[in-house]
Amino acid sequence: MNNVIVLGGHGRVALHVARLLSEAGDSVDAVIRKPEQQDDVRATGAEPVVADIEQLDIAGLTDLLRGHDAVVWSAGAGGGSAERTWAVDRDAAIRTMHAALEADVSRYVLVSWADAGLGHGVPEDDDFFAYAEAKTVADAVLRDSALDWTVVAPSTLTDDDATGAVESADPSSSIARADVAAVVVAALHDDASVGKTFRINTGNVPIAEFVRS
């Protein structure tokens, strides 16, 4: 991997991803919505790109993605209204998948949620329902696409120090954001991850080994 674009570039997982990719020698563009976030992005070694992916149409997103080798989706509404969750976590994510195909960027890694799926069990009157449904739909669209996709689906996120080891999230527990980022980077650097969904907790299997297996 040489030139990676990270969408949702100021998120806590995304900042870890940008740093790890930069340390590995990859070129990273991190897309952010607010200009005041640029210094935080530059501190990771990435180049900030100010753009509102919630508002861009497929043509605008295609222009944004063109020339990169891979896309990392790590954006989200961040627990806002249900309407904004649908708009970002589902609709904008899906538009970027179409845009990646239009831009001839075949590699796409999506940061999702371990319990996403038709059986997520979140009731419709729960505030979390929109997020669970949005992730479920976005995951399904990506898996059905012609992209070389990987879904990284962590359980509950923490700000603990990285452990460098994970396990399958069955049942779902918790994982450090830094370890999620390490799985994303390992997936980008290992073609064995293409077409796979990694549902992950903190565990005992070294990340590179987990991704290969």
N, C-alpha and C. Protein backbone atom coordinates (compact mmCIF):
# COMPACT_ATOMS: atom_id res chain seq x y z
N MET A 1 0.85 -1.19 0.00
CA MET A 1 0.00 0.00 0.00
C MET A 1 0.88 1.24 0.00
N ASN A 2 0.51 2.23 -0.80
CA ASN A 2 1.32 3.43 -0.89
C ASN A 2 0.57 4.68 -0.48
N ASN A 3 -0.61 4.90 -1.04
CA ASN A 3 -1.32 6.15 -0.88
C ASN A 3 -2.74 5.85 -0.39
N VAL A 4 -2.98 6.13 0.87
CA VAL A 4 -4.24 5.76 1.52
C VAL A 4 -5.00 7.02 1.89
N ILE A 5 -6.31 7.02 1.67
CA ILE A 5 -7.15 8.11 2.13
C ILE A 5 -8.04 7.60 3.25
N VAL A 6 -8.02 8.32 4.36
CA VAL A 6 -8.79 7.95 5.56
C VAL A 6 -9.95 8.92 5.70
N LEU A 7 -11.15 8.41 5.67
CA LEU A 7 -12.35 9.22 5.79
C LEU A 7 -12.80 9.22 7.25
N GLY A 8 -13.10 10.42 7.76
CA GLY A 8 -13.34 10.56 9.19
C GLY A 8 -12.02 10.71 9.91
N GLY A 9 -11.13 11.51 9.33
CA GLY A 9 -9.72 11.51 9.73
C GLY A 9 -9.40 12.04 11.10
N HIS A 10 -10.36 12.70 11.77
CA HIS A 10 -10.08 13.20 13.12
C HIS A 10 -10.66 12.29 14.20
N GLY A 11 -11.29 11.19 13.79
CA GLY A 11 -11.77 10.24 14.78
C GLY A 11 -10.63 9.58 15.52
N ARG A 12 -10.91 9.06 16.70
CA ARG A 12 -9.83 8.52 17.54
C ARG A 12 -9.22 7.26 16.94
N VAL A 13 -10.02 6.42 16.29
CA VAL A 13 -9.43 5.28 15.58
C VAL A 13 -8.65 5.77 14.37
N ALA A 14 -9.21 6.71 13.63
CA ALA A 14 -8.57 7.20 12.41
C ALA A 14 -7.22 7.84 12.68
N LEU A 15 -7.10 8.58 13.77
CA LEU A 15 -5.80 9.19 14.09
C LEU A 15 -4.75 8.13 14.36
N HIS A 16 -5.13 7.05 15.02
CA HIS A 16 -4.20 5.93 15.21
C HIS A 16 -3.83 5.30 13.87
N VAL A 17 -4.84 5.13 12.99
CA VAL A 17 -4.58 4.54 11.67
C VAL A 17 -3.59 5.39 10.90
N ALA A 18 -3.80 6.70 10.89
CA ALA A 18 -2.92 7.60 10.16
C ALA A 18 -1.49 7.52 10.68
N ARG A 19 -1.36 7.48 11.99
CA ARG A 19 -0.02 7.42 12.57
C ARG A 19 0.68 6.11 12.20
N LEU A 20 -0.03 4.99 12.32
CA LEU A 20 0.58 3.70 12.03
C LEU A 20 0.94 3.57 10.55
N LEU A 21 0.07 4.05 9.68
CA LEU A 21 0.39 4.01 8.25
C LEU A 21 1.59 4.89 7.93
N SER A 22 1.61 6.07 8.51
CA SER A 22 2.75 6.98 8.28
C SER A 22 4.05 6.36 8.76
N GLU A 23 4.01 5.73 9.93
CA GLU A 23 5.20 5.09 10.47
C GLU A 23 5.65 3.93 9.59
N ALA A 24 4.71 3.32 8.88
CA ALA A 24 5.04 2.20 7.99
C ALA A 24 5.54 2.68 6.63
N GLY A 25 5.54 3.99 6.42
CA GLY A 25 6.04 4.52 5.16
C GLY A 25 4.99 4.80 4.12
N ASP A 26 3.72 4.64 4.47
CA ASP A 26 2.65 4.93 3.53
C ASP A 26 2.36 6.43 3.52
N SER A 27 1.86 6.91 2.41
CA SER A 27 1.38 8.28 2.28
C SER A 27 -0.09 8.30 2.66
N VAL A 28 -0.49 9.23 3.54
CA VAL A 28 -1.84 9.24 4.07
C VAL A 28 -2.47 10.62 3.90
N ASP A 29 -3.65 10.64 3.30
CA ASP A 29 -4.51 11.82 3.30
C ASP A 29 -5.65 11.53 4.26
N ALA A 30 -5.88 12.43 5.21
CA ALA A 30 -6.93 12.25 6.20
C ALA A 30 -7.99 13.33 6.00
N VAL A 31 -9.21 12.90 5.70
CA VAL A 31 -10.28 13.84 5.39
C VAL A 31 -10.98 14.26 6.68
N ILE A 32 -11.06 15.57 6.88
CA ILE A 32 -11.66 16.14 8.08
C ILE A 32 -12.68 17.20 7.67
N ARG A 33 -13.60 17.48 8.57
CA ARG A 33 -14.65 18.46 8.26
C ARG A 33 -14.29 19.85 8.74
N LYS A 34 -13.48 19.94 9.80
CA LYS A 34 -13.20 21.23 10.42
C LYS A 34 -11.74 21.62 10.21
N PRO A 35 -11.49 22.80 9.68
CA PRO A 35 -10.11 23.24 9.45
C PRO A 35 -9.26 23.26 10.71
N GLU A 36 -9.87 23.50 11.85
CA GLU A 36 -9.11 23.57 13.10
C GLU A 36 -8.56 22.21 13.53
N GLN A 37 -8.94 21.15 12.85
CA GLN A 37 -8.43 19.81 13.18
C GLN A 37 -7.14 19.47 12.43
N GLN A 38 -6.68 20.37 11.58
CA GLN A 38 -5.55 20.05 10.71
C GLN A 38 -4.27 19.75 11.48
N ASP A 39 -3.99 20.48 12.54
CA ASP A 39 -2.74 20.26 13.28
C ASP A 39 -2.72 18.88 13.91
N ASP A 40 -3.87 18.41 14.42
CA ASP A 40 -3.93 17.07 15.01
C ASP A 40 -3.61 16.02 13.96
N VAL A 41 -4.11 16.21 12.75
CA VAL A 41 -3.84 15.26 11.67
C VAL A 41 -2.38 15.29 11.28
N ARG A 42 -1.83 16.47 11.12
CA ARG A 42 -0.41 16.58 10.73
C ARG A 42 0.51 15.93 11.76
N ALA A 43 0.11 15.97 13.01
CA ALA A 43 0.94 15.37 14.07
C ALA A 43 1.08 13.86 13.90
N THR A 44 0.17 13.23 13.16
CA THR A 44 0.25 11.79 12.91
C THR A 44 1.15 11.47 11.72
N GLY A 45 1.53 12.49 10.97
CA GLY A 45 2.29 12.27 9.74
C GLY A 45 1.44 12.28 8.50
N ALA A 46 0.12 12.45 8.67
CA ALA A 46 -0.80 12.48 7.53
C ALA A 46 -1.00 13.91 7.04
N GLU A 47 -1.51 14.01 5.83
CA GLU A 47 -1.85 15.31 5.25
C GLU A 47 -3.35 15.54 5.40
N PRO A 48 -3.77 16.62 6.06
CA PRO A 48 -5.20 16.87 6.21
C PRO A 48 -5.84 17.35 4.92
N VAL A 49 -7.05 16.89 4.66
CA VAL A 49 -7.85 17.33 3.52
C VAL A 49 -9.21 17.74 4.08
N VAL A 50 -9.55 19.01 3.93
CA VAL A 50 -10.81 19.51 4.48
C VAL A 50 -11.93 19.30 3.45
N ALA A 51 -12.91 18.49 3.81
CA ALA A 51 -14.05 18.22 2.94
C ALA A 51 -15.17 17.65 3.80
N ASP A 52 -16.41 17.91 3.42
CA ASP A 52 -17.56 17.42 4.16
C ASP A 52 -18.16 16.24 3.40
N ILE A 53 -17.79 15.04 3.81
CA ILE A 53 -18.23 13.85 3.07
C ILE A 53 -19.73 13.62 3.22
N GLU A 54 -20.34 14.20 4.25
CA GLU A 54 -21.79 14.08 4.40
C GLU A 54 -22.51 14.83 3.28
N GLN A 55 -21.91 15.91 2.80
CA GLN A 55 -22.56 16.75 1.80
C GLN A 55 -22.15 16.43 0.37
N LEU A 56 -20.99 15.82 0.17
CA LEU A 56 -20.51 15.56 -1.19
C LEU A 56 -21.34 14.47 -1.87
N ASP A 57 -21.64 14.69 -3.15
CA ASP A 57 -22.31 13.66 -3.93
C ASP A 57 -21.26 12.68 -4.48
N ILE A 58 -21.71 11.69 -5.24
CA ILE A 58 -20.78 10.66 -5.72
C ILE A 58 -19.71 11.27 -6.60
N ALA A 59 -20.07 12.24 -7.43
CA ALA A 59 -19.07 12.87 -8.30
C ALA A 59 -18.00 13.58 -7.47
N GLY A 60 -18.44 14.31 -6.44
CA GLY A 60 -17.48 15.00 -5.59
C GLY A 60 -16.61 14.04 -4.82
N LEU A 61 -17.18 12.95 -4.35
CA LEU A 61 -16.41 11.94 -3.63
C LEU A 61 -15.44 11.22 -4.57
N THR A 62 -15.86 11.01 -5.80
CA THR A 62 -14.97 10.38 -6.78
C THR A 62 -13.72 11.23 -6.97
N ASP A 63 -13.91 12.54 -7.10
CA ASP A 63 -12.76 13.44 -7.22
C ASP A 63 -11.87 13.37 -5.99
N LEU A 64 -12.49 13.24 -4.82
CA LEU A 64 -11.74 13.18 -3.57
C LEU A 64 -10.90 11.92 -3.48
N LEU A 65 -11.44 10.80 -3.95
CA LEU A 65 -10.76 9.50 -3.80
C LEU A 65 -9.78 9.19 -4.92
N ARG A 66 -9.95 9.82 -6.04
CA ARG A 66 -9.15 9.48 -7.22
C ARG A 66 -7.65 9.66 -6.94
N GLY A 67 -6.85 8.71 -7.42
CA GLY A 67 -5.41 8.78 -7.26
C GLY A 67 -4.88 8.06 -6.03
N HIS A 68 -5.77 7.53 -5.21
CA HIS A 68 -5.34 6.78 -4.03
C HIS A 68 -5.33 5.28 -4.33
N ASP A 69 -4.63 4.55 -3.49
CA ASP A 69 -4.57 3.10 -3.62
C ASP A 69 -5.60 2.38 -2.76
N ALA A 70 -6.06 3.06 -1.71
CA ALA A 70 -6.99 2.41 -0.78
C ALA A 70 -7.79 3.47 -0.04
N VAL A 71 -8.99 3.09 0.37
CA VAL A 71 -9.87 3.91 1.18
C VAL A 71 -10.06 3.24 2.53
N VAL A 72 -9.98 4.03 3.60
CA VAL A 72 -10.38 3.57 4.93
C VAL A 72 -11.57 4.41 5.37
N TRP A 73 -12.71 3.77 5.60
CA TRP A 73 -13.88 4.47 6.15
C TRP A 73 -13.84 4.32 7.67
N SER A 74 -13.62 5.45 8.34
CA SER A 74 -13.65 5.46 9.80
C SER A 74 -14.47 6.64 10.29
N ALA A 75 -15.42 7.07 9.46
CA ALA A 75 -16.26 8.22 9.79
C ALA A 75 -17.53 7.76 10.47
N GLY A 76 -18.19 8.70 11.13
CA GLY A 76 -19.47 8.41 11.77
C GLY A 76 -20.07 9.67 12.34
N ALA A 77 -21.36 9.61 12.59
CA ALA A 77 -22.06 10.77 13.15
C ALA A 77 -21.70 11.00 14.60
N GLY A 78 -21.12 9.99 15.24
CA GLY A 78 -20.66 10.18 16.61
C GLY A 78 -21.75 10.29 17.65
N GLY A 79 -22.82 9.53 17.44
CA GLY A 79 -23.88 9.53 18.44
C GLY A 79 -24.81 10.71 18.35
N GLY A 80 -24.86 11.37 17.19
CA GLY A 80 -25.79 12.47 17.00
C GLY A 80 -27.21 11.97 16.80
N SER A 81 -28.02 12.77 16.11
CA SER A 81 -29.40 12.41 15.87
C SER A 81 -29.49 11.19 14.96
N ALA A 82 -30.63 10.53 15.01
CA ALA A 82 -30.83 9.38 14.14
C ALA A 82 -30.73 9.79 12.68
N GLU A 83 -31.27 10.96 12.35
CA GLU A 83 -31.22 11.43 10.96
C GLU A 83 -29.78 11.59 10.49
N ARG A 84 -28.93 12.14 11.35
CA ARG A 84 -27.53 12.34 10.94
C ARG A 84 -26.79 11.00 10.91
N THR A 85 -27.15 10.09 11.78
CA THR A 85 -26.54 8.75 11.74
C THR A 85 -26.86 8.06 10.41
N TRP A 86 -28.12 8.13 9.98
CA TRP A 86 -28.47 7.57 8.67
C TRP A 86 -27.66 8.26 7.57
N ALA A 87 -27.54 9.60 7.68
CA ALA A 87 -26.90 10.37 6.63
C ALA A 87 -25.42 10.07 6.50
N VAL A 88 -24.75 9.83 7.62
CA VAL A 88 -23.30 9.60 7.59
C VAL A 88 -22.98 8.11 7.56
N ASP A 89 -23.40 7.38 8.59
CA ASP A 89 -22.97 5.99 8.77
C ASP A 89 -23.52 5.05 7.70
N ARG A 90 -24.65 5.41 7.12
CA ARG A 90 -25.20 4.59 6.03
C ARG A 90 -25.01 5.26 4.67
N ASP A 91 -25.67 6.42 4.48
CA ASP A 91 -25.75 7.00 3.14
C ASP A 91 -24.41 7.49 2.61
N ALA A 92 -23.68 8.26 3.43
CA ALA A 92 -22.37 8.75 2.97
C ALA A 92 -21.40 7.60 2.76
N ALA A 93 -21.44 6.62 3.66
CA ALA A 93 -20.56 5.46 3.50
C ALA A 93 -20.82 4.76 2.17
N ILE A 94 -22.09 4.56 1.85
CA ILE A 94 -22.43 3.87 0.61
C ILE A 94 -22.01 4.70 -0.60
N ARG A 95 -22.18 6.02 -0.54
CA ARG A 95 -21.75 6.86 -1.66
C ARG A 95 -20.24 6.73 -1.89
N THR A 96 -19.47 6.62 -0.81
CA THR A 96 -18.02 6.49 -0.99
C THR A 96 -17.66 5.16 -1.64
N MET A 97 -18.46 4.12 -1.43
CA MET A 97 -18.20 2.85 -2.10
C MET A 97 -18.41 2.98 -3.59
N HIS A 98 -19.50 3.63 -4.00
CA HIS A 98 -19.73 3.88 -5.42
C HIS A 98 -18.62 4.76 -5.99
N ALA A 99 -18.22 5.77 -5.21
CA ALA A 99 -17.18 6.69 -5.67
C ALA A 99 -15.85 5.97 -5.83
N ALA A 100 -15.55 5.05 -4.93
CA ALA A 100 -14.29 4.30 -5.04
C ALA A 100 -14.26 3.51 -6.34
N LEU A 101 -15.37 2.91 -6.71
CA LEU A 101 -15.43 2.18 -7.97
C LEU A 101 -15.26 3.13 -9.15
N GLU A 102 -15.92 4.28 -9.08
CA GLU A 102 -15.80 5.27 -10.16
C GLU A 102 -14.36 5.78 -10.28
N ALA A 103 -13.69 5.91 -9.14
CA ALA A 103 -12.32 6.45 -9.12
C ALA A 103 -11.27 5.37 -9.36
N ASP A 104 -11.71 4.13 -9.55
CA ASP A 104 -10.80 3.01 -9.77
C ASP A 104 -9.87 2.79 -8.58
N VAL A 105 -10.45 2.92 -7.39
CA VAL A 105 -9.73 2.63 -6.14
C VAL A 105 -10.39 1.37 -5.57
N SER A 106 -9.80 0.23 -5.83
CA SER A 106 -10.51 -1.02 -5.54
C SER A 106 -10.43 -1.46 -4.09
N ARG A 107 -9.41 -1.01 -3.36
CA ARG A 107 -9.21 -1.48 -1.97
C ARG A 107 -9.97 -0.60 -1.01
N TYR A 108 -10.81 -1.22 -0.18
CA TYR A 108 -11.68 -0.47 0.72
C TYR A 108 -11.79 -1.22 2.05
N VAL A 109 -11.42 -0.52 3.13
CA VAL A 109 -11.53 -1.09 4.48
C VAL A 109 -12.53 -0.25 5.26
N LEU A 110 -13.55 -0.90 5.78
CA LEU A 110 -14.63 -0.24 6.51
C LEU A 110 -14.53 -0.57 8.00
N VAL A 111 -14.49 0.45 8.83
CA VAL A 111 -14.57 0.24 10.28
C VAL A 111 -16.04 0.22 10.66
N SER A 112 -16.50 -0.90 11.19
CA SER A 112 -17.91 -1.11 11.48
C SER A 112 -18.12 -1.37 12.98
N TRP A 113 -18.96 -2.32 13.30
CA TRP A 113 -19.33 -2.65 14.68
C TRP A 113 -19.56 -4.16 14.77
N ALA A 114 -19.05 -4.76 15.83
CA ALA A 114 -19.02 -6.23 15.93
C ALA A 114 -20.39 -6.87 15.83
N ASP A 115 -21.43 -6.21 16.33
CA ASP A 115 -22.76 -6.82 16.35
C ASP A 115 -23.64 -6.39 15.19
N ALA A 116 -23.07 -5.71 14.20
CA ALA A 116 -23.85 -5.34 13.02
C ALA A 116 -24.32 -6.59 12.29
N GLY A 117 -25.54 -6.54 11.80
CA GLY A 117 -26.11 -7.69 11.11
C GLY A 117 -27.60 -7.74 11.37
N LEU A 118 -28.29 -8.59 10.63
CA LEU A 118 -29.74 -8.66 10.77
C LEU A 118 -30.17 -9.07 12.17
N GLY A 119 -29.30 -9.76 12.89
CA GLY A 119 -29.64 -10.20 14.24
C GLY A 119 -29.06 -9.32 15.33
N HIS A 120 -28.83 -8.03 15.05
CA HIS A 120 -28.19 -7.17 16.06
C HIS A 120 -29.00 -7.03 17.33
N GLY A 121 -30.31 -7.19 17.26
CA GLY A 121 -31.14 -7.23 18.46
C GLY A 121 -31.44 -5.90 19.12
N VAL A 122 -31.06 -4.79 18.52
CA VAL A 122 -31.35 -3.48 19.10
C VAL A 122 -32.80 -3.11 18.76
N PRO A 123 -33.64 -2.86 19.75
CA PRO A 123 -35.04 -2.54 19.46
C PRO A 123 -35.20 -1.18 18.78
N GLU A 124 -36.27 -1.02 18.02
CA GLU A 124 -36.47 0.19 17.24
C GLU A 124 -36.61 1.43 18.11
N ASP A 125 -37.07 1.29 19.33
CA ASP A 125 -37.25 2.45 20.20
C ASP A 125 -35.99 2.80 20.99
N ASP A 126 -34.90 2.09 20.72
CA ASP A 126 -33.62 2.36 21.37
C ASP A 126 -32.87 3.42 20.57
N ASP A 127 -32.21 4.35 21.27
CA ASP A 127 -31.45 5.40 20.59
C ASP A 127 -30.33 4.83 19.72
N PHE A 128 -29.89 3.62 20.00
CA PHE A 128 -28.79 3.00 19.28
C PHE A 128 -29.24 2.31 17.99
N PHE A 129 -30.56 2.23 17.79
CA PHE A 129 -31.10 1.47 16.67
C PHE A 129 -30.59 1.99 15.32
N ALA A 130 -30.61 3.31 15.14
CA ALA A 130 -30.18 3.87 13.85
C ALA A 130 -28.74 3.49 13.54
N TYR A 131 -27.88 3.53 14.54
CA TYR A 131 -26.48 3.15 14.34
C TYR A 131 -26.37 1.69 13.94
N ALA A 132 -27.07 0.82 14.69
CA ALA A 132 -27.00 -0.61 14.40
C ALA A 132 -27.50 -0.92 13.00
N GLU A 133 -28.59 -0.29 12.60
CA GLU A 133 -29.13 -0.52 11.27
C GLU A 133 -28.23 0.07 10.18
N ALA A 134 -27.72 1.28 10.43
CA ALA A 134 -26.86 1.92 9.43
C ALA A 134 -25.62 1.09 9.16
N LYS A 135 -24.99 0.58 10.22
CA LYS A 135 -23.81 -0.26 10.05
C LYS A 135 -24.16 -1.57 9.34
N THR A 136 -25.29 -2.13 9.67
CA THR A 136 -25.73 -3.37 9.03
C THR A 136 -25.88 -3.18 7.52
N VAL A 137 -26.54 -2.10 7.13
CA VAL A 137 -26.77 -1.85 5.71
C VAL A 137 -25.47 -1.54 4.99
N ALA A 138 -24.64 -0.66 5.57
CA ALA A 138 -23.38 -0.29 4.92
C ALA A 138 -22.48 -1.52 4.74
N ASP A 139 -22.40 -2.35 5.75
CA ASP A 139 -21.61 -3.58 5.65
C ASP A 139 -22.10 -4.45 4.49
N ALA A 140 -23.43 -4.61 4.41
CA ALA A 140 -24.00 -5.49 3.39
C ALA A 140 -23.73 -4.96 1.99
N VAL A 141 -23.85 -3.65 1.82
CA VAL A 141 -23.60 -3.06 0.50
C VAL A 141 -22.13 -3.26 0.11
N LEU A 142 -21.23 -3.06 1.06
CA LEU A 142 -19.81 -3.25 0.76
C LEU A 142 -19.52 -4.69 0.37
N ARG A 143 -20.06 -5.64 1.12
CA ARG A 143 -19.79 -7.05 0.83
C ARG A 143 -20.34 -7.46 -0.53
N ASP A 144 -21.41 -6.80 -0.98
CA ASP A 144 -22.00 -7.13 -2.27
C ASP A 144 -21.37 -6.34 -3.42
N SER A 145 -20.42 -5.48 -3.11
CA SER A 145 -19.82 -4.63 -4.13
C SER A 145 -18.69 -5.37 -4.85
N ALA A 146 -18.18 -4.72 -5.90
CA ALA A 146 -17.04 -5.27 -6.64
C ALA A 146 -15.71 -4.81 -6.07
N LEU A 147 -15.72 -4.14 -4.94
CA LEU A 147 -14.48 -3.67 -4.31
C LEU A 147 -13.73 -4.82 -3.64
N ASP A 148 -12.44 -4.63 -3.46
CA ASP A 148 -11.63 -5.56 -2.65
C ASP A 148 -11.76 -5.10 -1.20
N TRP A 149 -12.77 -5.63 -0.55
CA TRP A 149 -13.19 -5.08 0.73
C TRP A 149 -12.69 -5.88 1.92
N THR A 150 -12.59 -5.17 3.04
CA THR A 150 -12.42 -5.79 4.36
C THR A 150 -13.27 -5.00 5.34
N VAL A 151 -13.98 -5.69 6.21
CA VAL A 151 -14.74 -5.05 7.28
C VAL A 151 -14.03 -5.34 8.60
N VAL A 152 -13.67 -4.29 9.32
CA VAL A 152 -13.09 -4.40 10.65
C VAL A 152 -14.16 -3.97 11.65
N ALA A 153 -14.66 -4.92 12.42
CA ALA A 153 -15.85 -4.71 13.23
C ALA A 153 -15.54 -4.91 14.72
N PRO A 154 -15.12 -3.84 15.40
CA PRO A 154 -14.76 -3.96 16.80
C PRO A 154 -15.97 -4.00 17.72
N SER A 155 -15.74 -4.56 18.89
CA SER A 155 -16.73 -4.50 19.95
C SER A 155 -16.63 -3.12 20.62
N THR A 156 -17.04 -3.00 21.87
CA THR A 156 -17.02 -1.71 22.56
C THR A 156 -15.61 -1.13 22.60
N LEU A 157 -15.48 0.12 22.19
CA LEU A 157 -14.18 0.76 22.07
C LEU A 157 -13.73 1.39 23.39
N THR A 158 -12.43 1.26 23.66
CA THR A 158 -11.85 1.89 24.84
C THR A 158 -10.63 2.70 24.42
N ASP A 159 -10.15 3.54 25.32
CA ASP A 159 -8.92 4.29 25.08
C ASP A 159 -7.74 3.67 25.83
N ASP A 160 -7.83 2.39 26.11
CA ASP A 160 -6.72 1.68 26.75
C ASP A 160 -5.51 1.65 25.82
N ASP A 161 -4.35 1.35 26.39
CA ASP A 161 -3.15 1.19 25.57
C ASP A 161 -3.30 -0.02 24.65
N ALA A 162 -2.64 0.05 23.51
CA ALA A 162 -2.66 -1.08 22.58
C ALA A 162 -2.04 -2.31 23.22
N THR A 163 -2.60 -3.47 22.91
CA THR A 163 -2.04 -4.74 23.38
C THR A 163 -1.33 -5.49 22.26
N GLY A 164 -1.70 -5.20 21.01
CA GLY A 164 -1.11 -5.90 19.88
C GLY A 164 -1.70 -7.27 19.62
N ALA A 165 -2.77 -7.61 20.34
CA ALA A 165 -3.36 -8.94 20.20
C ALA A 165 -4.88 -8.84 20.29
N VAL A 166 -5.57 -9.71 19.54
CA VAL A 166 -7.03 -9.66 19.47
C VAL A 166 -7.58 -11.09 19.48
N GLU A 167 -8.91 -11.17 19.48
CA GLU A 167 -9.61 -12.44 19.32
C GLU A 167 -10.95 -12.15 18.66
N SER A 168 -11.63 -13.16 18.19
CA SER A 168 -12.95 -12.98 17.59
C SER A 168 -13.94 -12.49 18.65
N ALA A 169 -14.77 -11.55 18.27
CA ALA A 169 -15.72 -10.94 19.20
C ALA A 169 -16.97 -11.79 19.34
N ASP A 170 -16.83 -12.92 19.98
CA ASP A 170 -17.95 -13.83 20.17
C ASP A 170 -17.82 -14.47 21.56
N PRO A 171 -18.47 -13.93 22.58
CA PRO A 171 -19.39 -12.79 22.53
C PRO A 171 -18.63 -11.46 22.48
N SER A 172 -19.36 -10.41 22.15
CA SER A 172 -18.78 -9.08 22.04
C SER A 172 -18.36 -8.58 23.42
N SER A 173 -17.16 -8.00 23.50
CA SER A 173 -16.65 -7.48 24.76
C SER A 173 -16.12 -6.06 24.56
N SER A 174 -14.80 -5.87 24.53
CA SER A 174 -14.23 -4.53 24.33
C SER A 174 -12.85 -4.65 23.69
N ILE A 175 -12.39 -3.52 23.16
CA ILE A 175 -11.09 -3.49 22.50
C ILE A 175 -10.59 -2.05 22.46
N ALA A 176 -9.29 -1.87 22.57
CA ALA A 176 -8.69 -0.55 22.50
C ALA A 176 -8.75 -0.02 21.07
N ARG A 177 -9.03 1.27 20.95
CA ARG A 177 -9.04 1.89 19.62
C ARG A 177 -7.70 1.69 18.91
N ALA A 178 -6.63 1.74 19.66
CA ALA A 178 -5.31 1.57 19.05
C ALA A 178 -5.16 0.19 18.43
N ASP A 179 -5.75 -0.83 19.04
CA ASP A 179 -5.69 -2.17 18.46
C ASP A 179 -6.59 -2.29 17.24
N VAL A 180 -7.73 -1.61 17.24
CA VAL A 180 -8.58 -1.59 16.05
C VAL A 180 -7.80 -0.99 14.88
N ALA A 181 -7.12 0.12 15.14
CA ALA A 181 -6.33 0.76 14.09
C ALA A 181 -5.25 -0.18 13.58
N ALA A 182 -4.63 -0.93 14.47
CA ALA A 182 -3.58 -1.86 14.06
C ALA A 182 -4.15 -2.97 13.17
N VAL A 183 -5.37 -3.40 13.44
CA VAL A 183 -6.01 -4.40 12.57
C VAL A 183 -6.28 -3.80 11.20
N VAL A 184 -6.76 -2.56 11.15
CA VAL A 184 -6.99 -1.89 9.87
C VAL A 184 -5.70 -1.84 9.05
N VAL A 185 -4.62 -1.44 9.67
CA VAL A 185 -3.35 -1.31 8.97
C VAL A 185 -2.83 -2.68 8.54
N ALA A 186 -2.93 -3.67 9.40
CA ALA A 186 -2.51 -5.02 9.04
C ALA A 186 -3.32 -5.54 7.86
N ALA A 187 -4.62 -5.24 7.85
CA ALA A 187 -5.47 -5.67 6.74
C ALA A 187 -5.05 -5.01 5.44
N LEU A 188 -4.74 -3.72 5.49
CA LEU A 188 -4.31 -3.02 4.29
C LEU A 188 -3.01 -3.59 3.72
N HIS A 189 -2.17 -4.12 4.59
CA HIS A 189 -0.86 -4.62 4.18
C HIS A 189 -0.85 -6.12 3.90
N ASP A 190 -2.02 -6.77 3.97
CA ASP A 190 -2.07 -8.22 3.77
C ASP A 190 -3.28 -8.56 2.91
N ASP A 191 -3.04 -8.98 1.67
CA ASP A 191 -4.13 -9.30 0.75
C ASP A 191 -4.98 -10.47 1.23
N ALA A 192 -4.50 -11.22 2.20
CA ALA A 192 -5.30 -12.32 2.74
C ALA A 192 -6.56 -11.81 3.44
N SER A 193 -6.59 -10.51 3.74
CA SER A 193 -7.74 -9.94 4.44
C SER A 193 -8.88 -9.58 3.49
N VAL A 194 -8.64 -9.60 2.20
CA VAL A 194 -9.67 -9.19 1.24
C VAL A 194 -10.84 -10.16 1.30
N GLY A 195 -12.05 -9.59 1.35
CA GLY A 195 -13.25 -10.41 1.41
C GLY A 195 -13.55 -10.98 2.77
N LYS A 196 -12.95 -10.42 3.81
CA LYS A 196 -13.15 -10.95 5.16
C LYS A 196 -13.71 -9.88 6.09
N THR A 197 -14.47 -10.35 7.09
CA THR A 197 -14.96 -9.51 8.17
C THR A 197 -14.29 -9.94 9.46
N PHE A 198 -13.64 -9.00 10.12
CA PHE A 198 -12.96 -9.28 11.39
C PHE A 198 -13.76 -8.67 12.53
N ARG A 199 -14.48 -9.51 13.27
CA ARG A 199 -15.20 -9.06 14.46
C ARG A 199 -14.27 -9.29 15.64
N ILE A 200 -13.90 -8.21 16.35
CA ILE A 200 -12.74 -8.31 17.24
C ILE A 200 -12.97 -7.74 18.63
N ASN A 201 -12.41 -8.47 19.60
CA ASN A 201 -12.18 -8.02 20.98
C ASN A 201 -10.68 -8.01 21.23
N THR A 202 -10.28 -7.41 22.34
CA THR A 202 -8.94 -7.64 22.85
C THR A 202 -8.78 -9.13 23.12
N GLY A 203 -7.62 -9.69 22.79
CA GLY A 203 -7.43 -11.12 22.97
C GLY A 203 -5.98 -11.51 23.09
N ASN A 204 -5.63 -12.70 22.62
CA ASN A 204 -4.29 -13.24 22.79
C ASN A 204 -3.58 -13.58 21.48
N VAL A 205 -4.24 -13.34 20.35
CA VAL A 205 -3.64 -13.68 19.06
C VAL A 205 -2.97 -12.42 18.49
N PRO A 206 -1.67 -12.47 18.19
CA PRO A 206 -1.02 -11.31 17.58
C PRO A 206 -1.78 -10.85 16.34
N ILE A 207 -1.89 -9.54 16.17
CA ILE A 207 -2.76 -8.99 15.14
C ILE A 207 -2.39 -9.47 13.74
N ALA A 208 -1.12 -9.45 13.38
CA ALA A 208 -0.72 -9.90 12.05
C ALA A 208 -1.13 -11.35 11.82
N GLU A 209 -0.97 -12.18 12.84
CA GLU A 209 -1.35 -13.59 12.72
C GLU A 209 -2.86 -13.74 12.58
N PHE A 210 -3.61 -12.94 13.35
CA PHE A 210 -5.07 -13.00 13.30
C PHE A 210 -5.57 -12.63 11.91
N VAL A 211 -5.01 -11.58 11.33
CA VAL A 211 -5.43 -11.15 10.01
C VAL A 211 -5.08 -12.19 8.95
N ARG A 212 -3.90 -12.79 9.05
CA ARG A 212 -3.50 -13.81 8.07
C ARG A 212 -4.38 -15.05 8.14
N SER A 213 -4.83 -15.38 9.34
CA SER A 213 -5.58 -16.63 9.53
C SER A 213 -7.07 -16.46 9.31
